[in-house]
N, C-alpha and C. Protein backbone atom coordinates (compact mmCIF):
# COMPACT_ATOMS: atom_id res chain seq x y z
N MET A 1 -0.87 0.29 1.01
CA MET A 1 -1.83 0.39 -0.08
C MET A 1 -3.17 0.93 0.43
N VAL A 2 -3.75 0.25 1.43
CA VAL A 2 -5.02 0.67 2.01
C VAL A 2 -4.97 0.43 3.50
N VAL A 3 -5.58 1.34 4.26
CA VAL A 3 -5.68 1.18 5.70
C VAL A 3 -7.14 1.31 6.10
N VAL A 4 -7.59 0.39 6.95
CA VAL A 4 -8.96 0.41 7.45
C VAL A 4 -8.93 0.50 8.97
N SER A 5 -9.72 1.40 9.52
CA SER A 5 -9.80 1.54 10.97
C SER A 5 -11.26 1.55 11.39
N THR A 6 -11.63 0.64 12.29
CA THR A 6 -13.00 0.56 12.82
C THR A 6 -12.91 0.73 14.33
N PRO A 7 -14.06 0.85 15.01
CA PRO A 7 -14.02 0.96 16.47
C PRO A 7 -13.38 -0.25 17.15
N SER A 8 -13.31 -1.39 16.45
CA SER A 8 -12.79 -2.60 17.09
C SER A 8 -11.60 -3.24 16.37
N ALA A 9 -11.19 -2.70 15.22
CA ALA A 9 -10.12 -3.36 14.47
C ALA A 9 -9.37 -2.40 13.58
N VAL A 10 -8.14 -2.80 13.24
CA VAL A 10 -7.32 -2.06 12.28
C VAL A 10 -6.78 -3.06 11.28
N ARG A 11 -6.83 -2.72 9.99
CA ARG A 11 -6.35 -3.64 8.96
C ARG A 11 -5.52 -2.88 7.94
N PHE A 12 -4.28 -3.35 7.74
CA PHE A 12 -3.41 -2.80 6.71
C PHE A 12 -3.38 -3.76 5.51
N PHE A 13 -3.57 -3.23 4.33
CA PHE A 13 -3.43 -4.02 3.11
C PHE A 13 -2.13 -3.58 2.45
N SER A 14 -1.14 -4.43 2.47
CA SER A 14 0.18 -4.07 1.97
C SER A 14 0.20 -3.96 0.45
N GLY A 15 1.02 -3.03 -0.04
CA GLY A 15 1.17 -2.86 -1.49
C GLY A 15 2.46 -3.45 -2.02
N ARG A 16 3.18 -4.19 -1.18
CA ARG A 16 4.50 -4.70 -1.58
C ARG A 16 4.43 -5.62 -2.79
N GLU A 17 3.56 -6.60 -2.74
CA GLU A 17 3.47 -7.57 -3.85
C GLU A 17 2.97 -6.88 -5.11
N TRP A 18 1.99 -6.00 -4.98
CA TRP A 18 1.48 -5.26 -6.14
C TRP A 18 2.58 -4.45 -6.81
N TRP A 19 3.38 -3.72 -6.00
CA TRP A 19 4.43 -2.89 -6.56
C TRP A 19 5.53 -3.74 -7.19
N HIS A 20 5.85 -4.87 -6.57
CA HIS A 20 6.86 -5.76 -7.14
C HIS A 20 6.43 -6.24 -8.54
N ARG A 21 5.18 -6.66 -8.65
CA ARG A 21 4.67 -7.13 -9.95
C ARG A 21 4.63 -6.00 -10.98
N ARG A 22 4.17 -4.84 -10.55
CA ARG A 22 4.06 -3.70 -11.48
C ARG A 22 5.43 -3.33 -12.03
N ARG A 23 6.42 -3.29 -11.16
CA ARG A 23 7.77 -2.95 -11.58
C ARG A 23 8.36 -4.01 -12.52
N ARG A 24 8.08 -5.28 -12.21
CA ARG A 24 8.56 -6.37 -13.05
C ARG A 24 7.93 -6.33 -14.43
N TRP A 25 6.63 -6.10 -14.49
CA TRP A 25 5.94 -6.03 -15.78
C TRP A 25 6.44 -4.85 -16.60
N ARG A 26 6.79 -3.75 -15.95
CA ARG A 26 7.34 -2.60 -16.67
C ARG A 26 8.68 -2.96 -17.32
N GLU A 27 9.50 -3.70 -16.59
CA GLU A 27 10.80 -4.12 -17.14
C GLU A 27 10.62 -5.03 -18.35
N ILE A 28 9.66 -5.93 -18.23
CA ILE A 28 9.40 -6.85 -19.35
C ILE A 28 8.91 -6.08 -20.57
N ARG A 29 8.01 -5.11 -20.36
CA ARG A 29 7.49 -4.31 -21.47
C ARG A 29 8.61 -3.54 -22.18
N ARG A 30 9.55 -3.02 -21.41
CA ARG A 30 10.66 -2.28 -22.01
C ARG A 30 11.47 -3.17 -22.95
N LYS A 31 11.75 -4.37 -22.50
CA LYS A 31 12.52 -5.30 -23.32
C LYS A 31 11.74 -5.68 -24.59
N LEU A 32 10.44 -5.92 -24.41
CA LEU A 32 9.61 -6.29 -25.55
C LEU A 32 9.49 -5.14 -26.55
N GLN A 33 9.45 -3.92 -26.06
CA GLN A 33 9.38 -2.77 -26.95
C GLN A 33 10.65 -2.64 -27.78
N GLU A 34 11.78 -2.90 -27.14
CA GLU A 34 13.05 -2.86 -27.87
C GLU A 34 13.08 -3.90 -28.99
N GLU A 35 12.41 -5.03 -28.74
CA GLU A 35 12.35 -6.11 -29.72
C GLU A 35 11.16 -5.98 -30.66
N ARG A 36 10.34 -4.94 -30.42
CA ARG A 36 9.14 -4.67 -31.22
C ARG A 36 8.16 -5.85 -31.20
N ARG A 37 8.03 -6.47 -30.07
CA ARG A 37 7.09 -7.60 -29.93
C ARG A 37 5.79 -7.06 -29.34
N TYR A 38 5.02 -6.39 -30.16
CA TYR A 38 3.84 -5.68 -29.71
C TYR A 38 2.72 -6.60 -29.23
N ARG A 39 2.60 -7.76 -29.83
CA ARG A 39 1.56 -8.70 -29.38
C ARG A 39 1.86 -9.19 -27.97
N ALA A 40 3.13 -9.42 -27.69
CA ALA A 40 3.53 -9.87 -26.36
C ALA A 40 3.31 -8.76 -25.32
N ILE A 41 3.52 -7.50 -25.76
CA ILE A 41 3.29 -6.37 -24.86
C ILE A 41 1.82 -6.32 -24.46
N LYS A 42 0.93 -6.56 -25.43
CA LYS A 42 -0.50 -6.55 -25.13
C LYS A 42 -0.86 -7.65 -24.14
N LYS A 43 -0.25 -8.82 -24.28
CA LYS A 43 -0.53 -9.92 -23.37
C LYS A 43 -0.12 -9.58 -21.94
N ILE A 44 1.04 -8.91 -21.82
CA ILE A 44 1.50 -8.50 -20.50
C ILE A 44 0.51 -7.49 -19.90
N GLY A 45 0.05 -6.57 -20.73
CA GLY A 45 -0.91 -5.58 -20.26
C GLY A 45 -2.20 -6.23 -19.80
N ASP A 46 -2.68 -7.21 -20.56
CA ASP A 46 -3.90 -7.93 -20.18
C ASP A 46 -3.71 -8.68 -18.86
N LYS A 47 -2.54 -9.27 -18.70
CA LYS A 47 -2.23 -10.01 -17.47
C LYS A 47 -2.22 -9.08 -16.26
N GLU A 48 -1.63 -7.90 -16.44
CA GLU A 48 -1.58 -6.93 -15.35
C GLU A 48 -2.98 -6.45 -14.98
N ARG A 49 -3.81 -6.19 -15.98
CA ARG A 49 -5.18 -5.74 -15.71
C ARG A 49 -5.97 -6.80 -14.96
N ARG A 50 -5.82 -8.07 -15.35
CA ARG A 50 -6.54 -9.14 -14.65
C ARG A 50 -6.10 -9.24 -13.20
N TYR A 51 -4.80 -9.10 -12.99
CA TYR A 51 -4.27 -9.16 -11.62
C TYR A 51 -4.83 -8.01 -10.79
N ASN A 52 -4.84 -6.81 -11.35
CA ASN A 52 -5.34 -5.64 -10.62
C ASN A 52 -6.81 -5.78 -10.26
N ILE A 53 -7.60 -6.26 -11.21
CA ILE A 53 -9.04 -6.43 -10.96
C ILE A 53 -9.27 -7.47 -9.87
N ASP A 54 -8.54 -8.57 -9.92
CA ASP A 54 -8.67 -9.60 -8.89
C ASP A 54 -8.27 -9.06 -7.52
N LEU A 55 -7.20 -8.26 -7.48
CA LEU A 55 -6.73 -7.69 -6.22
C LEU A 55 -7.77 -6.75 -5.63
N VAL A 56 -8.36 -5.91 -6.48
CA VAL A 56 -9.38 -4.96 -6.03
C VAL A 56 -10.60 -5.70 -5.50
N HIS A 57 -10.99 -6.79 -6.17
CA HIS A 57 -12.11 -7.60 -5.69
C HIS A 57 -11.84 -8.13 -4.29
N LYS A 58 -10.65 -8.64 -4.08
CA LYS A 58 -10.30 -9.24 -2.78
C LYS A 58 -10.27 -8.20 -1.67
N ILE A 59 -9.63 -7.06 -1.96
CA ILE A 59 -9.52 -6.02 -0.93
C ILE A 59 -10.90 -5.45 -0.60
N SER A 60 -11.68 -5.12 -1.62
CA SER A 60 -13.00 -4.54 -1.38
C SER A 60 -13.92 -5.50 -0.64
N ARG A 61 -13.83 -6.79 -0.97
CA ARG A 61 -14.64 -7.79 -0.28
C ARG A 61 -14.30 -7.85 1.20
N GLU A 62 -13.01 -7.86 1.50
CA GLU A 62 -12.60 -7.94 2.91
C GLU A 62 -12.99 -6.68 3.67
N ILE A 63 -12.87 -5.52 3.03
CA ILE A 63 -13.26 -4.27 3.69
C ILE A 63 -14.74 -4.29 4.07
N VAL A 64 -15.57 -4.73 3.16
CA VAL A 64 -17.01 -4.81 3.44
C VAL A 64 -17.30 -5.85 4.52
N GLU A 65 -16.58 -6.96 4.51
CA GLU A 65 -16.75 -7.98 5.54
C GLU A 65 -16.37 -7.44 6.92
N ILE A 66 -15.30 -6.65 6.97
CA ILE A 66 -14.89 -6.03 8.24
C ILE A 66 -15.98 -5.09 8.74
N ALA A 67 -16.52 -4.29 7.82
CA ALA A 67 -17.57 -3.34 8.19
C ALA A 67 -18.81 -4.06 8.70
N ALA A 68 -19.13 -5.19 8.09
CA ALA A 68 -20.34 -5.93 8.45
C ALA A 68 -20.30 -6.44 9.89
N ARG A 69 -19.11 -6.55 10.45
CA ARG A 69 -18.99 -7.04 11.83
C ARG A 69 -19.25 -5.95 12.87
N GLU A 70 -19.36 -4.70 12.41
CA GLU A 70 -19.60 -3.58 13.32
C GLU A 70 -21.10 -3.31 13.48
N LYS A 71 -21.44 -2.66 14.58
CA LYS A 71 -22.83 -2.27 14.82
C LYS A 71 -23.10 -0.97 14.08
N ASN A 72 -24.19 -0.92 13.33
CA ASN A 72 -24.55 0.26 12.53
C ASN A 72 -23.37 0.74 11.68
N PRO A 73 -22.82 -0.12 10.82
CA PRO A 73 -21.63 0.25 10.06
C PRO A 73 -21.88 1.30 8.98
N VAL A 74 -20.88 2.13 8.78
CA VAL A 74 -20.85 3.08 7.69
C VAL A 74 -19.41 3.11 7.18
N ILE A 75 -19.21 2.90 5.89
CA ILE A 75 -17.87 2.96 5.32
C ILE A 75 -17.62 4.38 4.82
N VAL A 76 -16.58 5.00 5.34
CA VAL A 76 -16.28 6.38 4.97
C VAL A 76 -14.94 6.42 4.23
N MET A 77 -14.95 7.03 3.05
CA MET A 77 -13.75 7.12 2.23
C MET A 77 -13.47 8.58 1.87
N GLU A 78 -12.24 8.82 1.42
CA GLU A 78 -11.86 10.16 1.00
C GLU A 78 -12.37 10.45 -0.41
N ASP A 79 -12.81 11.66 -0.63
CA ASP A 79 -13.15 12.10 -1.98
C ASP A 79 -11.84 12.47 -2.67
N LEU A 80 -11.40 11.62 -3.59
CA LEU A 80 -10.10 11.80 -4.24
C LEU A 80 -10.22 12.37 -5.65
N THR A 81 -11.29 13.08 -5.91
CA THR A 81 -11.47 13.71 -7.22
C THR A 81 -10.29 14.65 -7.52
N ASN A 82 -9.72 14.49 -8.70
CA ASN A 82 -8.59 15.31 -9.15
C ASN A 82 -7.31 15.11 -8.33
N ILE A 83 -7.23 14.04 -7.54
CA ILE A 83 -6.07 13.83 -6.69
C ILE A 83 -4.78 13.66 -7.50
N ARG A 84 -4.89 13.08 -8.70
CA ARG A 84 -3.69 12.85 -9.51
C ARG A 84 -3.02 14.15 -9.94
N GLU A 85 -3.81 15.21 -10.02
CA GLU A 85 -3.24 16.50 -10.43
C GLU A 85 -2.28 17.06 -9.40
N ASP A 86 -2.40 16.59 -8.14
CA ASP A 86 -1.56 17.10 -7.06
C ASP A 86 -0.31 16.25 -6.85
N MET A 87 -0.11 15.21 -7.64
CA MET A 87 1.03 14.34 -7.46
C MET A 87 2.27 14.95 -8.12
N ASP A 88 3.25 15.26 -7.32
CA ASP A 88 4.47 15.83 -7.86
C ASP A 88 5.65 15.38 -7.00
N PHE A 89 6.02 14.09 -7.15
CA PHE A 89 7.13 13.53 -6.40
C PHE A 89 8.23 13.17 -7.39
N SER A 90 9.06 12.23 -7.04
CA SER A 90 10.08 11.77 -7.97
C SER A 90 9.42 11.03 -9.12
N ARG A 91 10.17 10.84 -10.20
CA ARG A 91 9.63 10.16 -11.37
C ARG A 91 9.16 8.76 -11.00
N GLU A 92 9.97 8.06 -10.20
CA GLU A 92 9.61 6.69 -9.79
C GLU A 92 8.37 6.68 -8.92
N GLN A 93 8.30 7.63 -7.97
CA GLN A 93 7.14 7.68 -7.07
C GLN A 93 5.88 8.06 -7.83
N ASN A 94 5.99 8.97 -8.78
CA ASN A 94 4.83 9.34 -9.58
C ASN A 94 4.33 8.16 -10.41
N TYR A 95 5.27 7.38 -10.94
CA TYR A 95 4.89 6.18 -11.71
C TYR A 95 4.11 5.23 -10.81
N ARG A 96 4.59 5.05 -9.60
CA ARG A 96 3.92 4.14 -8.67
C ARG A 96 2.53 4.66 -8.31
N ASN A 97 2.45 5.94 -7.97
CA ASN A 97 1.18 6.50 -7.54
C ASN A 97 0.14 6.54 -8.66
N HIS A 98 0.58 6.89 -9.88
CA HIS A 98 -0.37 6.96 -10.99
C HIS A 98 -0.90 5.58 -11.38
N GLY A 99 -0.19 4.54 -10.98
CA GLY A 99 -0.67 3.20 -11.29
C GLY A 99 -1.66 2.67 -10.28
N TRP A 100 -1.77 3.36 -9.15
CA TRP A 100 -2.66 2.88 -8.09
C TRP A 100 -4.12 3.15 -8.46
N PHE A 101 -4.91 2.08 -8.48
CA PHE A 101 -6.28 2.14 -8.99
C PHE A 101 -7.28 2.45 -7.88
N PHE A 102 -7.09 3.57 -7.19
CA PHE A 102 -7.92 3.89 -6.03
C PHE A 102 -9.38 4.09 -6.39
N ARG A 103 -9.67 4.69 -7.54
CA ARG A 103 -11.07 4.94 -7.90
C ARG A 103 -11.79 3.63 -8.19
N ARG A 104 -11.10 2.70 -8.84
CA ARG A 104 -11.71 1.40 -9.09
C ARG A 104 -12.00 0.69 -7.77
N LEU A 105 -11.07 0.78 -6.84
CA LEU A 105 -11.28 0.16 -5.53
C LEU A 105 -12.48 0.78 -4.84
N GLN A 106 -12.58 2.09 -4.87
CA GLN A 106 -13.72 2.74 -4.23
C GLN A 106 -15.04 2.33 -4.89
N THR A 107 -15.03 2.19 -6.20
CA THR A 107 -16.23 1.76 -6.92
C THR A 107 -16.64 0.35 -6.50
N PHE A 108 -15.67 -0.54 -6.38
CA PHE A 108 -15.96 -1.91 -5.96
C PHE A 108 -16.49 -1.93 -4.53
N ILE A 109 -15.92 -1.09 -3.66
CA ILE A 109 -16.40 -1.01 -2.28
C ILE A 109 -17.84 -0.52 -2.28
N GLU A 110 -18.14 0.44 -3.13
CA GLU A 110 -19.49 0.99 -3.21
C GLU A 110 -20.52 -0.09 -3.52
N TYR A 111 -20.27 -0.86 -4.59
CA TYR A 111 -21.31 -1.81 -4.99
C TYR A 111 -21.36 -3.02 -4.06
N LYS A 112 -20.24 -3.41 -3.47
CA LYS A 112 -20.26 -4.52 -2.52
C LYS A 112 -20.94 -4.09 -1.21
N ALA A 113 -20.70 -2.85 -0.80
CA ALA A 113 -21.35 -2.33 0.40
C ALA A 113 -22.86 -2.22 0.19
N THR A 114 -23.24 -1.73 -0.99
CA THR A 114 -24.67 -1.61 -1.30
C THR A 114 -25.34 -2.97 -1.29
N ALA A 115 -24.67 -3.98 -1.86
CA ALA A 115 -25.22 -5.34 -1.87
C ALA A 115 -25.38 -5.89 -0.46
N ALA A 116 -24.50 -5.46 0.45
CA ALA A 116 -24.55 -5.95 1.83
C ALA A 116 -25.44 -5.08 2.71
N GLY A 117 -26.01 -4.02 2.14
CA GLY A 117 -26.89 -3.14 2.91
C GLY A 117 -26.13 -2.21 3.84
N ILE A 118 -24.87 -1.91 3.50
CA ILE A 118 -24.03 -1.04 4.32
C ILE A 118 -23.86 0.30 3.62
N PRO A 119 -24.23 1.40 4.27
CA PRO A 119 -24.07 2.71 3.62
C PRO A 119 -22.61 3.12 3.52
N TYR A 120 -22.30 3.93 2.53
CA TYR A 120 -20.95 4.46 2.37
C TYR A 120 -21.05 5.96 2.12
N ARG A 121 -20.03 6.68 2.54
CA ARG A 121 -20.01 8.13 2.39
C ARG A 121 -18.60 8.59 2.04
N TYR A 122 -18.49 9.83 1.55
CA TYR A 122 -17.19 10.42 1.22
C TYR A 122 -16.99 11.71 2.00
N VAL A 123 -15.75 11.98 2.38
CA VAL A 123 -15.41 13.23 3.03
C VAL A 123 -14.26 13.87 2.26
N VAL A 124 -14.07 15.17 2.44
CA VAL A 124 -13.00 15.90 1.75
C VAL A 124 -11.64 15.39 2.23
N ALA A 125 -10.74 15.14 1.27
CA ALA A 125 -9.42 14.58 1.59
C ALA A 125 -8.40 15.69 1.79
N GLU A 126 -8.50 16.42 2.89
CA GLU A 126 -7.55 17.49 3.18
C GLU A 126 -6.98 17.30 4.59
N TRP A 127 -5.66 17.23 4.68
CA TRP A 127 -4.95 17.14 5.94
C TRP A 127 -5.30 15.90 6.76
N THR A 128 -5.83 14.88 6.12
CA THR A 128 -6.24 13.70 6.87
C THR A 128 -5.07 12.96 7.52
N SER A 129 -3.88 13.05 6.90
CA SER A 129 -2.73 12.34 7.46
C SER A 129 -1.75 13.26 8.17
N ALA A 130 -2.12 14.52 8.33
CA ALA A 130 -1.23 15.47 8.98
C ALA A 130 -1.88 16.17 10.17
N THR A 131 -3.11 15.77 10.52
CA THR A 131 -3.83 16.38 11.63
C THR A 131 -3.84 15.45 12.84
N CYS A 132 -3.48 15.98 13.98
CA CYS A 132 -3.44 15.17 15.20
C CYS A 132 -4.85 14.88 15.69
N PRO A 133 -5.21 13.59 15.86
CA PRO A 133 -6.55 13.25 16.34
C PRO A 133 -6.73 13.54 17.83
N ARG A 134 -5.63 13.81 18.52
CA ARG A 134 -5.71 14.08 19.96
C ARG A 134 -5.94 15.56 20.23
N CYS A 135 -5.08 16.44 19.65
CA CYS A 135 -5.17 17.87 19.96
C CYS A 135 -5.66 18.71 18.79
N GLY A 136 -5.70 18.13 17.57
CA GLY A 136 -6.20 18.86 16.42
C GLY A 136 -5.16 19.67 15.67
N ASP A 137 -3.90 19.63 16.11
CA ASP A 137 -2.85 20.37 15.42
C ASP A 137 -2.67 19.82 14.00
N ALA A 138 -2.59 20.70 13.03
CA ALA A 138 -2.42 20.29 11.63
C ALA A 138 -1.20 20.97 11.04
N HIS A 139 -0.19 20.15 10.76
CA HIS A 139 1.05 20.71 10.23
C HIS A 139 1.75 19.64 9.40
N PRO A 140 2.28 19.99 8.21
CA PRO A 140 2.94 18.98 7.37
C PRO A 140 4.13 18.31 8.05
N LYS A 141 4.78 19.00 9.00
CA LYS A 141 5.92 18.41 9.69
C LYS A 141 5.51 17.31 10.66
N ASN A 142 4.22 17.21 10.93
CA ASN A 142 3.75 16.14 11.81
C ASN A 142 3.94 14.77 11.16
N ARG A 143 4.06 14.75 9.85
CA ARG A 143 4.09 13.48 9.11
C ARG A 143 5.45 13.23 8.47
N ASP A 144 5.99 12.04 8.74
CA ASP A 144 7.22 11.59 8.10
C ASP A 144 6.81 10.58 7.03
N ARG A 145 6.75 11.02 5.77
CA ARG A 145 6.26 10.17 4.69
C ARG A 145 7.15 8.96 4.45
N LYS A 146 8.46 9.16 4.55
CA LYS A 146 9.39 8.07 4.27
C LYS A 146 9.23 6.91 5.24
N ARG A 147 9.08 7.22 6.51
CA ARG A 147 8.99 6.18 7.54
C ARG A 147 7.54 5.81 7.87
N HIS A 148 6.60 6.51 7.23
CA HIS A 148 5.17 6.28 7.51
C HIS A 148 4.86 6.47 8.98
N ARG A 149 5.49 7.48 9.58
CA ARG A 149 5.27 7.76 10.98
C ARG A 149 4.66 9.16 11.14
N TYR A 150 3.85 9.29 12.17
CA TYR A 150 3.23 10.56 12.50
C TYR A 150 3.61 10.92 13.93
N LYS A 151 4.08 12.14 14.12
CA LYS A 151 4.35 12.65 15.46
C LYS A 151 3.91 14.10 15.53
N CYS A 152 2.96 14.36 16.41
CA CYS A 152 2.43 15.71 16.55
C CYS A 152 3.50 16.63 17.14
N GLN A 153 3.74 17.75 16.47
CA GLN A 153 4.73 18.72 16.94
C GLN A 153 4.26 19.48 18.18
N TYR A 154 2.97 19.39 18.45
CA TYR A 154 2.40 20.15 19.58
C TYR A 154 2.27 19.30 20.84
N CYS A 155 1.61 18.13 20.72
CA CYS A 155 1.36 17.32 21.93
C CYS A 155 2.21 16.05 22.00
N GLY A 156 2.93 15.72 20.91
CA GLY A 156 3.81 14.56 20.93
C GLY A 156 3.16 13.24 20.58
N TYR A 157 1.88 13.24 20.21
CA TYR A 157 1.17 11.99 19.87
C TYR A 157 1.82 11.32 18.67
N GLU A 158 2.04 9.99 18.75
CA GLU A 158 2.69 9.25 17.68
C GLU A 158 1.86 8.07 17.22
N LEU A 159 1.89 7.81 15.90
CA LEU A 159 1.17 6.66 15.33
C LEU A 159 1.58 6.53 13.86
N ASN A 160 1.21 5.42 13.23
CA ASN A 160 1.40 5.25 11.80
C ASN A 160 0.61 6.34 11.06
N ASP A 161 1.23 6.98 10.06
CA ASP A 161 0.59 8.11 9.39
C ASP A 161 -0.66 7.72 8.61
N ASP A 162 -0.66 6.55 7.99
CA ASP A 162 -1.84 6.13 7.24
C ASP A 162 -3.00 5.79 8.17
N LEU A 163 -2.67 5.23 9.34
CA LEU A 163 -3.70 4.94 10.32
C LEU A 163 -4.29 6.24 10.87
N ILE A 164 -3.43 7.23 11.07
CA ILE A 164 -3.92 8.55 11.47
C ILE A 164 -4.94 9.05 10.44
N GLY A 165 -4.58 8.89 9.16
CA GLY A 165 -5.46 9.33 8.09
C GLY A 165 -6.81 8.64 8.11
N ALA A 166 -6.80 7.31 8.28
CA ALA A 166 -8.04 6.55 8.30
C ALA A 166 -8.93 6.98 9.46
N ARG A 167 -8.33 7.19 10.61
CA ARG A 167 -9.11 7.60 11.78
C ARG A 167 -9.66 9.02 11.62
N ASN A 168 -8.88 9.88 10.97
CA ASN A 168 -9.37 11.23 10.73
C ASN A 168 -10.49 11.26 9.70
N VAL A 169 -10.45 10.34 8.74
CA VAL A 169 -11.54 10.22 7.77
C VAL A 169 -12.84 9.88 8.50
N ALA A 170 -12.76 8.89 9.39
CA ALA A 170 -13.94 8.50 10.16
C ALA A 170 -14.41 9.64 11.05
N ARG A 171 -13.47 10.32 11.69
CA ARG A 171 -13.82 11.41 12.60
C ARG A 171 -14.49 12.56 11.84
N ALA A 172 -14.00 12.86 10.63
CA ALA A 172 -14.58 13.94 9.84
C ALA A 172 -16.06 13.67 9.57
N PHE A 173 -16.36 12.42 9.27
CA PHE A 173 -17.76 12.08 8.99
C PHE A 173 -18.60 12.14 10.25
N GLU A 174 -18.04 11.67 11.36
CA GLU A 174 -18.77 11.71 12.62
C GLU A 174 -19.11 13.15 13.00
N GLN A 175 -18.18 14.05 12.76
CA GLN A 175 -18.41 15.46 13.07
C GLN A 175 -19.48 16.04 12.16
N GLU A 176 -19.50 15.60 10.91
CA GLU A 176 -20.53 16.08 9.98
C GLU A 176 -21.91 15.62 10.41
N MET A 177 -21.98 14.38 10.85
CA MET A 177 -23.28 13.82 11.21
C MET A 177 -23.72 14.22 12.62
N ALA A 178 -22.73 14.31 13.55
CA ALA A 178 -23.04 14.66 14.94
C ALA A 178 -24.20 13.82 15.45
N SER A 179 -24.12 12.50 15.22
CA SER A 179 -25.21 11.62 15.59
C SER A 179 -24.68 10.36 16.25
N GLY A 180 -25.33 9.91 17.32
CA GLY A 180 -24.92 8.68 18.00
C GLY A 180 -25.19 7.45 17.18
N TYR A 181 -25.92 7.59 16.06
CA TYR A 181 -26.21 6.45 15.19
C TYR A 181 -24.94 5.87 14.61
N MET A 182 -23.95 6.71 14.38
CA MET A 182 -22.75 6.29 13.67
C MET A 182 -21.74 5.59 14.58
N SER A 183 -22.17 4.59 15.29
CA SER A 183 -21.28 3.89 16.22
C SER A 183 -20.32 2.96 15.51
N GLY A 184 -20.61 2.60 14.26
CA GLY A 184 -19.75 1.67 13.54
C GLY A 184 -19.03 2.31 12.37
N VAL A 185 -18.70 3.60 12.48
CA VAL A 185 -18.03 4.30 11.39
C VAL A 185 -16.66 3.68 11.13
N MET A 186 -16.37 3.42 9.88
CA MET A 186 -15.09 2.82 9.50
C MET A 186 -14.37 3.74 8.54
N GLY A 187 -13.23 4.27 8.95
CA GLY A 187 -12.42 5.11 8.08
C GLY A 187 -11.60 4.25 7.14
N CYS A 188 -11.57 4.62 5.88
CA CYS A 188 -10.84 3.82 4.88
C CYS A 188 -9.95 4.73 4.06
N MET A 189 -8.64 4.57 4.20
CA MET A 189 -7.66 5.37 3.45
C MET A 189 -7.28 4.64 2.18
N THR A 190 -7.66 5.21 1.03
CA THR A 190 -7.29 4.59 -0.25
C THR A 190 -6.43 5.53 -1.08
N GLN A 191 -6.02 6.64 -0.47
CA GLN A 191 -5.24 7.64 -1.21
C GLN A 191 -3.91 7.06 -1.69
N PRO A 192 -3.52 7.35 -2.94
CA PRO A 192 -2.32 6.75 -3.50
C PRO A 192 -1.01 7.42 -3.12
N LEU A 193 -1.05 8.58 -2.49
CA LEU A 193 0.19 9.27 -2.16
C LEU A 193 1.08 8.40 -1.29
N ARG A 194 2.31 8.16 -1.76
CA ARG A 194 3.26 7.32 -1.04
C ARG A 194 2.67 5.95 -0.74
N VAL A 195 2.36 5.21 -1.76
CA VAL A 195 1.81 3.87 -1.61
C VAL A 195 2.69 3.06 -0.68
N ARG A 196 2.08 2.36 0.27
CA ARG A 196 2.83 1.62 1.28
C ARG A 196 3.50 0.39 0.70
N ASP A 197 4.71 0.11 1.17
CA ASP A 197 5.39 -1.11 0.81
C ASP A 197 5.23 -2.18 1.88
N ASP A 198 4.84 -1.77 3.09
CA ASP A 198 4.66 -2.74 4.16
C ASP A 198 3.66 -2.18 5.15
N ALA A 199 3.39 -2.97 6.18
CA ALA A 199 2.40 -2.56 7.16
C ALA A 199 3.05 -2.16 8.47
N SER A 200 4.31 -1.83 8.44
CA SER A 200 5.01 -1.46 9.67
C SER A 200 4.75 0.01 10.01
C-alpha cells in the first residue's frame, strides 16, 4: 500500500486487510443491489468510507512520526496528478487501484507534517520504480510487478520494487536541492499501481 524509506529506517504499510475488506464490501453490495435494498447499500458505503478515513489517519500519523525522528526531516512524495488516467490493467486490478485513496493520504500527510513543523515536497512520478539507484539504468524489465521484485538488467542490483521507488523519490529531491541540509529526506511511495498485498 505505502512504502517509507528514511536514512535510518524502512516501513511497509500492507494493503492486505484493506483489499480484503474492499472486496468483501463489494460482494455485499452486489447482493443488496439484487435485492434492491438501497438503504442497506448506503450504510455499507458509509462504513467503508469511515474505515478508509480512519486508515488514512493512522498511516499518515505514523509517517509523520517516522519523519520526526530524523535530523532535518523532509517528506518527499510523488506528484500523482492524473495518475488514474494511466491505469490500464485487468478489470480486477483497475478496480483495486481506482479504490486506493492516495490523494487523500497525501493531503493528510501534508497537514499533519505542517502541524509538526516538517516540510513536505513533491517530485515527478516517472520511472521511480524502474530506475536502478546504483547505476542509474532505467528499463521496464528491471521491475517484476507480480513478485514486487526489482533486478537491474545492467548491474544486477536487486531489491523490493516499491522500496526502490521510495528511495528514488528521495534521491530525486536531493538532486533537485543539491544541498547538505536535506540529511533527513524521507521518500514516500503512495502510488496505487499494483497495490501491495504484503510486505515481502
